């Protein structure tokens, strides 16, 4: 099953070793209950675990062909030689705990960046930092206003109920945002929920094509409680719709390791109100692009 190889963990090695049957994903703990979302998710010490997807000859051929594809892809910014060198240096050897980028009260280490190597699983730090960049760009004129929750938000909400996350929006009114992004880690798989307050919709994006209406309903219930608690306004749920995006509606992954990249790119395209024109073949390019963007703390 592809699902068994999609995860958000850190690596023992800078490579992506083949998983063994005994491997189990271990993640850091979510922020403390009284930590407001706008204070930023707390960087957790995540226990190391081995895992990864075995590289097939077919994928190897696909990746060798990609440089030409990425330059021809309409609307994609090709990486210059200087940018490629920066990316290679970040993905190369070095102290695992070396901090390569720091913003949004988050720190991304070399070990975190190495999860952006081809066929590696992205971890919480990379997901949260990238969505921080998405939020930062949304402050510019011409972009929808965006709020992105921490990757620990949904887990905390489902385990502790609304009270467990009530303080996360102490400094933000989510109903004043056009788009609310909720990255979700389903133990071994990254997905995304996107709330559009303009059209009153909650959509679920899964690169393996799984249905997530229950997740959308959970978030709609959260909005009801948030509206009552923070605005003293009863949310009219009959005005809202939930929808799990079908495989033919959004790009789908064809391996067991790119769910995190798909999740980030879903969010990035949604934050611009743009149709999703990318495919599986663009993942190696996106991984490099994301490394550069995290290092420079801006989206291309």
C-alpha atoms as a PDB file:
ATOM      1  CA  UNK A   1       0.000   0.000   0.000  1.00  0.00           C
ATOM      2  CA  UNK A   2       1.284   3.447  -0.876  1.00  0.00           C
ATOM      3  CA  UNK A   3      -0.177   4.827   2.327  1.00  0.00           C
ATOM      4  CA  UNK A   4       2.313   2.937   4.441  1.00  0.00           C
ATOM      5  CA  UNK A   5       5.193   4.967   3.058  1.00  0.00           C
ATOM      6  CA  UNK A   6       3.865   8.508   3.415  1.00  0.00           C
ATOM      7  CA  UNK A   7       4.904  10.079   6.684  1.00  0.00           C
ATOM      8  CA  UNK A   8       6.222  13.120   8.515  1.00  0.00           C
ATOM      9  CA  UNK A   9       9.263  11.988  10.460  1.00  0.00           C
ATOM     10  CA  UNK A  10      12.933  12.765  10.875  1.00  0.00           C
ATOM     11  CA  UNK A  11      15.707  10.562   9.566  1.00  0.00           C
ATOM     12  CA  UNK A  12      18.469   8.698  11.364  1.00  0.00           C
ATOM     13  CA  UNK A  13      20.540   9.146   8.206  1.00  0.00           C
ATOM     14  CA  UNK A  14      20.819  11.958   5.675  1.00  0.00           C
ATOM     15  CA  UNK A  15      19.662   9.430   3.104  1.00  0.00           C
ATOM     16  CA  UNK A  16      16.322   7.719   2.834  1.00  0.00           C
ATOM     17  CA  UNK A  17      16.863   4.092   3.887  1.00  0.00           C
ATOM     18  CA  UNK A  18      14.430   1.412   2.850  1.00  0.00           C
ATOM     19  CA  UNK A  19      11.870   0.756   5.610  1.00  0.00           C
ATOM     20  CA  UNK A  20      11.811  -2.419   7.602  1.00  0.00           C
ATOM     21  CA  UNK A  21       8.653  -4.093   8.840  1.00  0.00           C
ATOM     22  CA  UNK A  22       9.351  -2.984  12.383  1.00  0.00           C
ATOM     23  CA  UNK A  23       9.521   0.721  11.602  1.00  0.00           C
ATOM     24  CA  UNK A  24       6.880   2.875  13.270  1.00  0.00           C
ATOM     25  CA  UNK A  25       6.501   6.609  12.740  1.00  0.00           C
ATOM     26  CA  UNK A  26       7.030   8.761  15.828  1.00  0.00           C
ATOM     27  CA  UNK A  27       6.202  12.469  15.850  1.00  0.00           C
ATOM     28  CA  UNK A  28       6.819  15.257  18.289  1.00  0.00           C
ATOM     29  CA  UNK A  29       4.196  16.300  20.775  1.00  0.00           C
ATOM     30  CA  UNK A  30       1.770  19.087  19.852  1.00  0.00           C
ATOM     31  CA  UNK A  31       2.194  22.507  21.469  1.00  0.00           C
ATOM     32  CA  UNK A  32       1.001  23.028  25.021  1.00  0.00           C
ATOM     33  CA  UNK A  33      -2.730  23.593  25.407  1.00  0.00           C
ATOM     34  CA  UNK A  34      -2.328  27.248  26.285  1.00  0.00           C
ATOM     35  CA  UNK A  35      -0.061  28.024  23.328  1.00  0.00           C
ATOM     36  CA  UNK A  36      -1.873  30.400  20.944  1.00  0.00           C
ATOM     37  CA  UNK A  37      -1.485  29.647  17.268  1.00  0.00           C
ATOM     38  CA  UNK A  38      -0.110  33.080  16.431  1.00  0.00           C
ATOM     39  CA  UNK A  39       2.765  32.501  18.806  1.00  0.00           C
ATOM     40  CA  UNK A  40       3.863  29.821  16.381  1.00  0.00           C
ATOM     41  CA  UNK A  41       3.964  26.069  16.807  1.00  0.00           C
ATOM     42  CA  UNK A  42       6.666  24.949  19.201  1.00  0.00           C
ATOM     43  CA  UNK A  43       9.554  23.110  17.580  1.00  0.00           C
ATOM     44  CA  UNK A  44       9.512  19.641  19.053  1.00  0.00           C
ATOM     45  CA  UNK A  45      12.248  17.075  19.522  1.00  0.00           C
ATOM     46  CA  UNK A  46      11.045  14.263  17.293  1.00  0.00           C
ATOM     47  CA  UNK A  47      12.359  10.763  18.027  1.00  0.00           C
ATOM     48  CA  UNK A  48      14.365   9.446  15.093  1.00  0.00           C
ATOM     49  CA  UNK A  49      13.021   6.633  12.985  1.00  0.00           C
ATOM     50  CA  UNK A  50      14.216   4.918   9.868  1.00  0.00           C
ATOM     51  CA  UNK A  51      11.965   4.796   6.842  1.00  0.00           C
ATOM     52  CA  UNK A  52      11.551   5.692   3.214  1.00  0.00           C
ATOM     53  CA  UNK A  53      10.419   4.548  -0.156  1.00  0.00           C
ATOM     54  CA  UNK A  54      12.614   2.332  -2.286  1.00  0.00           C
ATOM     55  CA  UNK A  55      13.633   4.035  -5.493  1.00  0.00           C
ATOM     56  CA  UNK A  56      12.601   2.176  -8.609  1.00  0.00           C
ATOM     57  CA  UNK A  57      14.446   2.297 -11.961  1.00  0.00           C
ATOM     58  CA  UNK A  58      11.345   3.881 -13.517  1.00  0.00           C
ATOM     59  CA  UNK A  59      11.404   6.734 -11.002  1.00  0.00           C
ATOM     60  CA  UNK A  60      15.121   7.179 -11.560  1.00  0.00           C
ATOM     61  CA  UNK A  61      14.538   7.656 -15.284  1.00  0.00           C
ATOM     62  CA  UNK A  62      11.681  10.058 -14.546  1.00  0.00           C
ATOM     63  CA  UNK A  63      13.881  12.195 -12.296  1.00  0.00           C
ATOM     64  CA  UNK A  64      16.727  12.311 -14.845  1.00  0.00           C
ATOM     65  CA  UNK A  65      14.284  13.638 -17.409  1.00  0.00           C
ATOM     66  CA  UNK A  66      12.804  16.240 -15.065  1.00  0.00           C
ATOM     67  CA  UNK A  67      15.315  19.110 -15.482  1.00  0.00           C
ATOM     68  CA  UNK A  68      14.147  19.591 -19.055  1.00  0.00           C
ATOM     69  CA  UNK A  69      10.529  19.300 -18.035  1.00  0.00           C
ATOM     70  CA  UNK A  70      10.805  21.848 -15.249  1.00  0.00           C
ATOM     71  CA  UNK A  71      12.266  24.504 -17.566  1.00  0.00           C
ATOM     72  CA  UNK A  72       9.505  24.011 -20.100  1.00  0.00           C
ATOM     73  CA  UNK A  73       6.705  23.931 -17.547  1.00  0.00           C
ATOM     74  CA  UNK A  74       4.589  27.000 -18.032  1.00  0.00           C
ATOM     75  CA  UNK A  75       4.505  29.328 -15.035  1.00  0.00           C
ATOM     76  CA  UNK A  76       7.320  27.587 -13.135  1.00  0.00           C
ATOM     77  CA  UNK A  77      10.429  29.555 -12.200  1.00  0.00           C
ATOM     78  CA  UNK A  78      13.523  27.609 -13.303  1.00  0.00           C
ATOM     79  CA  UNK A  79      16.338  27.423 -10.794  1.00  0.00           C
ATOM     80  CA  UNK A  80      19.527  29.201 -11.837  1.00  0.00           C
ATOM     81  CA  UNK A  81      22.930  27.566 -11.479  1.00  0.00           C
ATOM     82  CA  UNK A  82      23.603  29.672  -8.395  1.00  0.00           C
ATOM     83  CA  UNK A  83      20.295  28.578  -6.845  1.00  0.00           C
ATOM     84  CA  UNK A  84      21.085  24.947  -7.655  1.00  0.00           C
ATOM     85  CA  UNK A  85      24.423  25.281  -5.868  1.00  0.00           C
ATOM     86  CA  UNK A  86      22.745  26.681  -2.771  1.00  0.00           C
ATOM     87  CA  UNK A  87      20.240  23.846  -2.759  1.00  0.00           C
ATOM     88  CA  UNK A  88      22.951  21.215  -3.203  1.00  0.00           C
ATOM     89  CA  UNK A  89      24.945  22.697  -0.340  1.00  0.00           C
ATOM     90  CA  UNK A  90      21.923  22.613   1.969  1.00  0.00           C
ATOM     91  CA  UNK A  91      21.169  19.016   1.012  1.00  0.00           C
ATOM     92  CA  UNK A  92      24.816  18.034   1.372  1.00  0.00           C
ATOM     93  CA  UNK A  93      26.921  16.966   4.317  1.00  0.00           C
ATOM     94  CA  UNK A  94      27.021  19.031   7.477  1.00  0.00           C
ATOM     95  CA  UNK A  95      26.038  19.162  11.112  1.00  0.00           C
ATOM     96  CA  UNK A  96      22.451  17.792  11.341  1.00  0.00           C
ATOM     97  CA  UNK A  97      21.449  20.344  14.000  1.00  0.00           C
ATOM     98  CA  UNK A  98      22.847  23.335  12.101  1.00  0.00           C
ATOM     99  CA  UNK A  99      20.087  25.938  11.753  1.00  0.00           C
ATOM    100  CA  UNK A 100      19.695  26.865   8.083  1.00  0.00           C
ATOM    101  CA  UNK A 101      16.651  29.127   8.402  1.00  0.00           C
ATOM    102  CA  UNK A 102      14.739  30.752  11.231  1.00  0.00           C
ATOM    103  CA  UNK A 103      11.416  32.629  11.058  1.00  0.00           C
ATOM    104  CA  UNK A 104       7.842  32.485  12.386  1.00  0.00           C
ATOM    105  CA  UNK A 105       9.329  31.348  15.719  1.00  0.00           C
ATOM    106  CA  UNK A 106      10.456  28.176  13.935  1.00  0.00           C
ATOM    107  CA  UNK A 107      13.937  26.913  13.185  1.00  0.00           C
ATOM    108  CA  UNK A 108      14.739  24.608  10.281  1.00  0.00           C
ATOM    109  CA  UNK A 109      17.882  22.540  10.657  1.00  0.00           C
ATOM    110  CA  UNK A 110      19.948  20.748   8.040  1.00  0.00           C
ATOM    111  CA  UNK A 111      18.335  17.530   9.209  1.00  0.00           C
ATOM    112  CA  UNK A 112      14.901  19.046   8.520  1.00  0.00           C
ATOM    113  CA  UNK A 113      15.989  20.260   5.077  1.00  0.00           C
ATOM    114  CA  UNK A 114      17.203  16.767   4.236  1.00  0.00           C
ATOM    115  CA  UNK A 115      13.602  15.561   4.339  1.00  0.00           C
ATOM    116  CA  UNK A 116      13.263  17.498   1.059  1.00  0.00           C
ATOM    117  CA  UNK A 117      15.633  15.111  -0.663  1.00  0.00           C
ATOM    118  CA  UNK A 118      13.986  13.133  -3.422  1.00  0.00           C
ATOM    119  CA  UNK A 119      11.692  10.386  -2.138  1.00  0.00           C
ATOM    120  CA  UNK A 120      12.066  11.405   1.517  1.00  0.00           C
ATOM    121  CA  UNK A 121       9.106  12.135   3.775  1.00  0.00           C
ATOM    122  CA  UNK A 122       8.610  15.749   4.842  1.00  0.00           C
ATOM    123  CA  UNK A 123       8.467  16.472   8.575  1.00  0.00           C
ATOM    124  CA  UNK A 124       6.414  18.911  10.634  1.00  0.00           C
ATOM    125  CA  UNK A 125       9.110  21.582  10.674  1.00  0.00           C
ATOM    126  CA  UNK A 126       9.273  21.810   6.897  1.00  0.00           C
ATOM    127  CA  UNK A 127       5.481  21.735   6.499  1.00  0.00           C
ATOM    128  CA  UNK A 128       4.922  24.441   9.116  1.00  0.00           C
ATOM    129  CA  UNK A 129       7.744  26.680   7.881  1.00  0.00           C
ATOM    130  CA  UNK A 130       6.537  26.470   4.285  1.00  0.00           C
ATOM    131  CA  UNK A 131       2.979  27.355   5.279  1.00  0.00           C
ATOM    132  CA  UNK A 132       4.446  30.254   7.229  1.00  0.00           C
ATOM    133  CA  UNK A 133       5.889  31.498   3.930  1.00  0.00           C
ATOM    134  CA  UNK A 134       2.470  31.099   2.324  1.00  0.00           C
ATOM    135  CA  UNK A 135       0.904  33.210   5.083  1.00  0.00           C
ATOM    136  CA  UNK A 136       3.630  35.835   4.807  1.00  0.00           C
ATOM    137  CA  UNK A 137       3.086  36.223   1.070  1.00  0.00           C
ATOM    138  CA  UNK A 138      -0.662  36.587   1.584  1.00  0.00           C
ATOM    139  CA  UNK A 139      -0.004  39.924   3.296  1.00  0.00           C
ATOM    140  CA  UNK A 140       0.961  41.396  -0.073  1.00  0.00           C
ATOM    141  CA  UNK A 141      -1.547  43.262  -2.180  1.00  0.00           C
ATOM    142  CA  UNK A 142      -3.415  41.128  -4.690  1.00  0.00           C
ATOM    143  CA  UNK A 143      -3.404  37.909  -2.668  1.00  0.00           C
ATOM    144  CA  UNK A 144      -6.267  36.391  -0.664  1.00  0.00           C
ATOM    145  CA  UNK A 145      -5.744  36.706   3.095  1.00  0.00           C
ATOM    146  CA  UNK A 146      -4.571  33.383   4.517  1.00  0.00           C
ATOM    147  CA  UNK A 147      -4.217  31.759   7.905  1.00  0.00           C
ATOM    148  CA  UNK A 148      -2.446  28.418   8.217  1.00  0.00           C
ATOM    149  CA  UNK A 149      -2.732  26.291  11.314  1.00  0.00           C
ATOM    150  CA  UNK A 150       0.140  24.228  12.674  1.00  0.00           C
ATOM    151  CA  UNK A 151       0.393  20.610  11.585  1.00  0.00           C
ATOM    152  CA  UNK A 152      -0.450  19.736  15.203  1.00  0.00           C
ATOM    153  CA  UNK A 153      -3.743  21.628  15.182  1.00  0.00           C
ATOM    154  CA  UNK A 154      -6.066  18.960  13.823  1.00  0.00           C
ATOM    155  CA  UNK A 155      -4.535  16.250  15.991  1.00  0.00           C
ATOM    156  CA  UNK A 156      -4.996  18.444  19.063  1.00  0.00           C
ATOM    157  CA  UNK A 157      -8.564  19.313  18.058  1.00  0.00           C
ATOM    158  CA  UNK A 158      -9.619  15.693  17.628  1.00  0.00           C
ATOM    159  CA  UNK A 159      -7.910  14.482  20.783  1.00  0.00           C
ATOM    160  CA  UNK A 160      -8.906  17.298  23.124  1.00  0.00           C
ATOM    161  CA  UNK A 161     -11.894  19.000  21.550  1.00  0.00           C
ATOM    162  CA  UNK A 162     -12.385  22.712  20.958  1.00  0.00           C
ATOM    163  CA  UNK A 163     -11.101  23.761  24.393  1.00  0.00           C
ATOM    164  CA  UNK A 164      -7.717  22.226  23.570  1.00  0.00           C
ATOM    165  CA  UNK A 165      -7.213  24.672  20.686  1.00  0.00           C
ATOM    166  CA  UNK A 166      -9.341  27.653  21.742  1.00  0.00           C
ATOM    167  CA  UNK A 167      -6.302  29.791  22.592  1.00  0.00           C
ATOM    168  CA  UNK A 168      -4.565  29.100  19.289  1.00  0.00           C
ATOM    169  CA  UNK A 169      -6.528  31.925  17.663  1.00  0.00           C
ATOM    170  CA  UNK A 170      -6.176  34.407  20.506  1.00  0.00           C
ATOM    171  CA  UNK A 171      -4.464  36.877  18.197  1.00  0.00           C
ATOM    172  CA  UNK A 172      -6.257  36.161  14.937  1.00  0.00           C
ATOM    173  CA  UNK A 173      -9.860  36.244  13.763  1.00  0.00           C
ATOM    174  CA  UNK A 174     -10.059  33.351  11.312  1.00  0.00           C
ATOM    175  CA  UNK A 175     -13.385  34.629  10.001  1.00  0.00           C
ATOM    176  CA  UNK A 176     -11.585  37.717   8.707  1.00  0.00           C
ATOM    177  CA  UNK A 177      -9.340  35.518   6.557  1.00  0.00           C
ATOM    178  CA  UNK A 178     -10.316  34.453   3.052  1.00  0.00           C
ATOM    179  CA  UNK A 179      -8.627  31.063   3.328  1.00  0.00           C
ATOM    180  CA  UNK A 180      -7.759  28.863   6.301  1.00  0.00           C
ATOM    181  CA  UNK A 181      -5.285  26.029   5.651  1.00  0.00           C
ATOM    182  CA  UNK A 182      -5.185  22.954   7.876  1.00  0.00           C
ATOM    183  CA  UNK A 183      -2.346  20.483   7.238  1.00  0.00           C
ATOM    184  CA  UNK A 184      -3.231  17.058   8.562  1.00  0.00           C
ATOM    185  CA  UNK A 185      -0.981  14.138   9.464  1.00  0.00           C
ATOM    186  CA  UNK A 186      -2.932  10.883   9.360  1.00  0.00           C
ATOM    187  CA  UNK A 187      -0.210   8.991  11.193  1.00  0.00           C
ATOM    188  CA  UNK A 188       1.594   7.983   7.986  1.00  0.00           C
ATOM    189  CA  UNK A 189       0.206  10.371   5.394  1.00  0.00           C
ATOM    190  CA  UNK A 190       0.001  14.141   4.844  1.00  0.00           C
ATOM    191  CA  UNK A 191      -3.224  15.728   3.572  1.00  0.00           C
ATOM    192  CA  UNK A 192      -4.768  19.198   3.550  1.00  0.00           C
ATOM    193  CA  UNK A 193      -8.108  20.771   4.392  1.00  0.00           C
ATOM    194  CA  UNK A 194      -8.854  24.247   3.071  1.00  0.00           C
ATOM    195  CA  UNK A 195     -11.607  26.461   4.452  1.00  0.00           C
ATOM    196  CA  UNK A 196     -12.807  29.251   2.142  1.00  0.00           C
ATOM    197  CA  UNK A 197     -14.821  31.777   4.132  1.00  0.00           C
ATOM    198  CA  UNK A 198     -15.780  33.645   0.957  1.00  0.00           C
ATOM    199  CA  UNK A 199     -17.632  30.716  -0.582  1.00  0.00           C
ATOM    200  CA  UNK A 200     -18.334  29.030   2.758  1.00  0.00           C
ATOM    201  CA  UNK A 201     -16.742  25.767   1.698  1.00  0.00           C
ATOM    202  CA  UNK A 202     -14.461  23.241   3.345  1.00  0.00           C
ATOM    203  CA  UNK A 203     -12.529  21.077   0.898  1.00  0.00           C
ATOM    204  CA  UNK A 204     -10.288  18.105   1.538  1.00  0.00           C
ATOM    205  CA  UNK A 205      -7.213  17.471  -0.612  1.00  0.00           C
ATOM    206  CA  UNK A 206      -5.625  14.011  -0.560  1.00  0.00           C
ATOM    207  CA  UNK A 207      -2.930  13.054  -3.065  1.00  0.00           C
ATOM    208  CA  UNK A 208      -3.932   9.387  -2.703  1.00  0.00           C
ATOM    209  CA  UNK A 209      -7.564  10.155  -3.501  1.00  0.00           C
ATOM    210  CA  UNK A 210      -9.056   9.177  -0.152  1.00  0.00           C
ATOM    211  CA  UNK A 211     -12.337  10.664   1.074  1.00  0.00           C
ATOM    212  CA  UNK A 212     -12.231  13.098   4.005  1.00  0.00           C
ATOM    213  CA  UNK A 213     -15.779  14.324   4.580  1.00  0.00           C
ATOM    214  CA  UNK A 214     -15.553  13.408   8.254  1.00  0.00           C
ATOM    215  CA  UNK A 215     -12.486  15.636   8.602  1.00  0.00           C
ATOM    216  CA  UNK A 216     -14.374  18.486   6.919  1.00  0.00           C
ATOM    217  CA  UNK A 217     -17.334  17.996   9.263  1.00  0.00           C
ATOM    218  CA  UNK A 218     -14.975  18.122  12.255  1.00  0.00           C
ATOM    219  CA  UNK A 219     -13.595  21.442  11.022  1.00  0.00           C
ATOM    220  CA  UNK A 220     -17.094  22.795  10.404  1.00  0.00           C
ATOM    221  CA  UNK A 221     -17.966  21.958  14.000  1.00  0.00           C
ATOM    222  CA  UNK A 222     -14.793  23.766  15.063  1.00  0.00           C
ATOM    223  CA  UNK A 223     -15.907  26.856  13.142  1.00  0.00           C
ATOM    224  CA  UNK A 224     -19.281  26.728  14.892  1.00  0.00           C
ATOM    225  CA  UNK A 225     -17.635  26.684  18.303  1.00  0.00           C
ATOM    226  CA  UNK A 226     -15.071  29.300  17.329  1.00  0.00           C
ATOM    227  CA  UNK A 227     -17.788  31.635  16.050  1.00  0.00           C
ATOM    228  CA  UNK A 228     -19.838  31.233  19.211  1.00  0.00           C
ATOM    229  CA  UNK A 229     -16.853  31.604  21.538  1.00  0.00           C
ATOM    230  CA  UNK A 230     -15.040  34.486  19.839  1.00  0.00           C
ATOM    231  CA  UNK A 231     -17.829  36.399  18.058  1.00  0.00           C
ATOM    232  CA  UNK A 232     -20.938  35.359  19.996  1.00  0.00           C
ATOM    233  CA  UNK A 233     -22.456  34.598  16.583  1.00  0.00           C
ATOM    234  CA  UNK A 234     -24.224  31.378  15.690  1.00  0.00           C
ATOM    235  CA  UNK A 235     -22.770  29.939  12.504  1.00  0.00           C
ATOM    236  CA  UNK A 236     -25.456  28.919  10.019  1.00  0.00           C
ATOM    237  CA  UNK A 237     -24.083  25.535   8.955  1.00  0.00           C
ATOM    238  CA  UNK A 238     -26.773  25.163   6.281  1.00  0.00           C
ATOM    239  CA  UNK A 239     -24.902  27.828   4.310  1.00  0.00           C
ATOM    240  CA  UNK A 240     -21.708  25.776   4.305  1.00  0.00           C
ATOM    241  CA  UNK A 241     -20.704  22.872   2.055  1.00  0.00           C
ATOM    242  CA  UNK A 242     -18.022  20.217   2.496  1.00  0.00           C
ATOM    243  CA  UNK A 243     -16.345  18.337  -0.325  1.00  0.00           C
ATOM    244  CA  UNK A 244     -13.597  15.756  -0.649  1.00  0.00           C
ATOM    245  CA  UNK A 245     -11.730  16.487  -3.860  1.00  0.00           C
ATOM    246  CA  UNK A 246     -11.922  13.563  -6.270  1.00  0.00           C
ATOM    247  CA  UNK A 247      -8.754  12.113  -7.833  1.00  0.00           C
ATOM    248  CA  UNK A 248      -9.685  13.587 -11.212  1.00  0.00           C
ATOM    249  CA  UNK A 249     -10.065  17.049  -9.678  1.00  0.00           C
ATOM    250  CA  UNK A 250      -6.562  17.470  -8.212  1.00  0.00           C
ATOM    251  CA  UNK A 251      -3.036  16.195  -8.946  1.00  0.00           C
ATOM    252  CA  UNK A 252      -2.312  12.756  -7.513  1.00  0.00           C
ATOM    253  CA  UNK A 253       0.908  11.149  -6.385  1.00  0.00           C
ATOM    254  CA  UNK A 254       2.132   7.949  -7.994  1.00  0.00           C
ATOM    255  CA  UNK A 255       4.695   6.973  -5.385  1.00  0.00           C
ATOM    256  CA  UNK A 256       4.739   6.521  -1.630  1.00  0.00           C
ATOM    257  CA  UNK A 257       6.859   9.477  -0.558  1.00  0.00           C
ATOM    258  CA  UNK A 258       5.583  12.765  -1.999  1.00  0.00           C
ATOM    259  CA  UNK A 259       2.396  13.331   0.026  1.00  0.00           C
ATOM    260  CA  UNK A 260       4.036  16.139   2.029  1.00  0.00           C
ATOM    261  CA  UNK A 261       5.145  17.988  -1.095  1.00  0.00           C
ATOM    262  CA  UNK A 262       1.688  17.598  -2.635  1.00  0.00           C
ATOM    263  CA  UNK A 263       0.171  18.984   0.568  1.00  0.00           C
ATOM    264  CA  UNK A 264       2.438  22.043   0.471  1.00  0.00           C
ATOM    265  CA  UNK A 265       1.792  22.688  -3.210  1.00  0.00           C
ATOM    266  CA  UNK A 266      -1.971  22.276  -2.786  1.00  0.00           C
ATOM    267  CA  UNK A 267      -1.751  24.986  -0.127  1.00  0.00           C
ATOM    268  CA  UNK A 268       0.431  27.248  -2.248  1.00  0.00           C
ATOM    269  CA  UNK A 269      -1.884  27.087  -5.270  1.00  0.00           C
ATOM    270  CA  UNK A 270      -5.027  27.493  -3.145  1.00  0.00           C
ATOM    271  CA  UNK A 271      -3.481  30.577  -1.511  1.00  0.00           C
ATOM    272  CA  UNK A 272      -3.283  32.202  -4.956  1.00  0.00           C
ATOM    273  CA  UNK A 273      -6.712  31.030  -6.147  1.00  0.00           C
ATOM    274  CA  UNK A 274      -4.935  29.283  -9.017  1.00  0.00           C
ATOM    275  CA  UNK A 275      -5.812  26.011 -10.777  1.00  0.00           C
ATOM    276  CA  UNK A 276      -3.440  23.161  -9.935  1.00  0.00           C
ATOM    277  CA  UNK A 277      -1.405  22.540 -13.073  1.00  0.00           C
ATOM    278  CA  UNK A 278       1.401  20.449 -11.601  1.00  0.00           C
ATOM    279  CA  UNK A 279       1.859  16.668 -11.722  1.00  0.00           C
ATOM    280  CA  UNK A 280       3.922  13.949 -10.087  1.00  0.00           C
ATOM    281  CA  UNK A 281       6.758  14.659 -12.535  1.00  0.00           C
ATOM    282  CA  UNK A 282       7.290  18.090 -10.990  1.00  0.00           C
ATOM    283  CA  UNK A 283       7.972  16.816  -7.477  1.00  0.00           C
ATOM    284  CA  UNK A 284      11.799  16.701  -7.685  1.00  0.00           C
ATOM    285  CA  UNK A 285      11.751  20.284  -8.983  1.00  0.00           C
ATOM    286  CA  UNK A 286       9.356  21.394  -6.226  1.00  0.00           C
ATOM    287  CA  UNK A 287      11.581  19.815  -3.585  1.00  0.00           C
ATOM    288  CA  UNK A 288      14.562  21.868  -4.763  1.00  0.00           C
ATOM    289  CA  UNK A 289      12.422  24.969  -5.070  1.00  0.00           C
ATOM    290  CA  UNK A 290      11.164  24.528  -1.507  1.00  0.00           C
ATOM    291  CA  UNK A 291      14.719  24.183  -0.184  1.00  0.00           C
ATOM    292  CA  UNK A 292      15.658  27.510  -1.784  1.00  0.00           C
ATOM    293  CA  UNK A 293      12.463  29.189  -0.593  1.00  0.00           C
ATOM    294  CA  UNK A 294      13.001  28.047   3.003  1.00  0.00           C
ATOM    295  CA  UNK A 295      16.627  29.184   2.955  1.00  0.00           C
ATOM    296  CA  UNK A 296      15.667  32.636   1.597  1.00  0.00           C
ATOM    297  CA  UNK A 297      12.365  32.834   3.469  1.00  0.00           C
ATOM    298  CA  UNK A 298      10.331  33.818   0.424  1.00  0.00           C
ATOM    299  CA  UNK A 299       8.278  32.027  -2.208  1.00  0.00           C
ATOM    300  CA  UNK A 300       9.323  32.159  -5.839  1.00  0.00           C
END
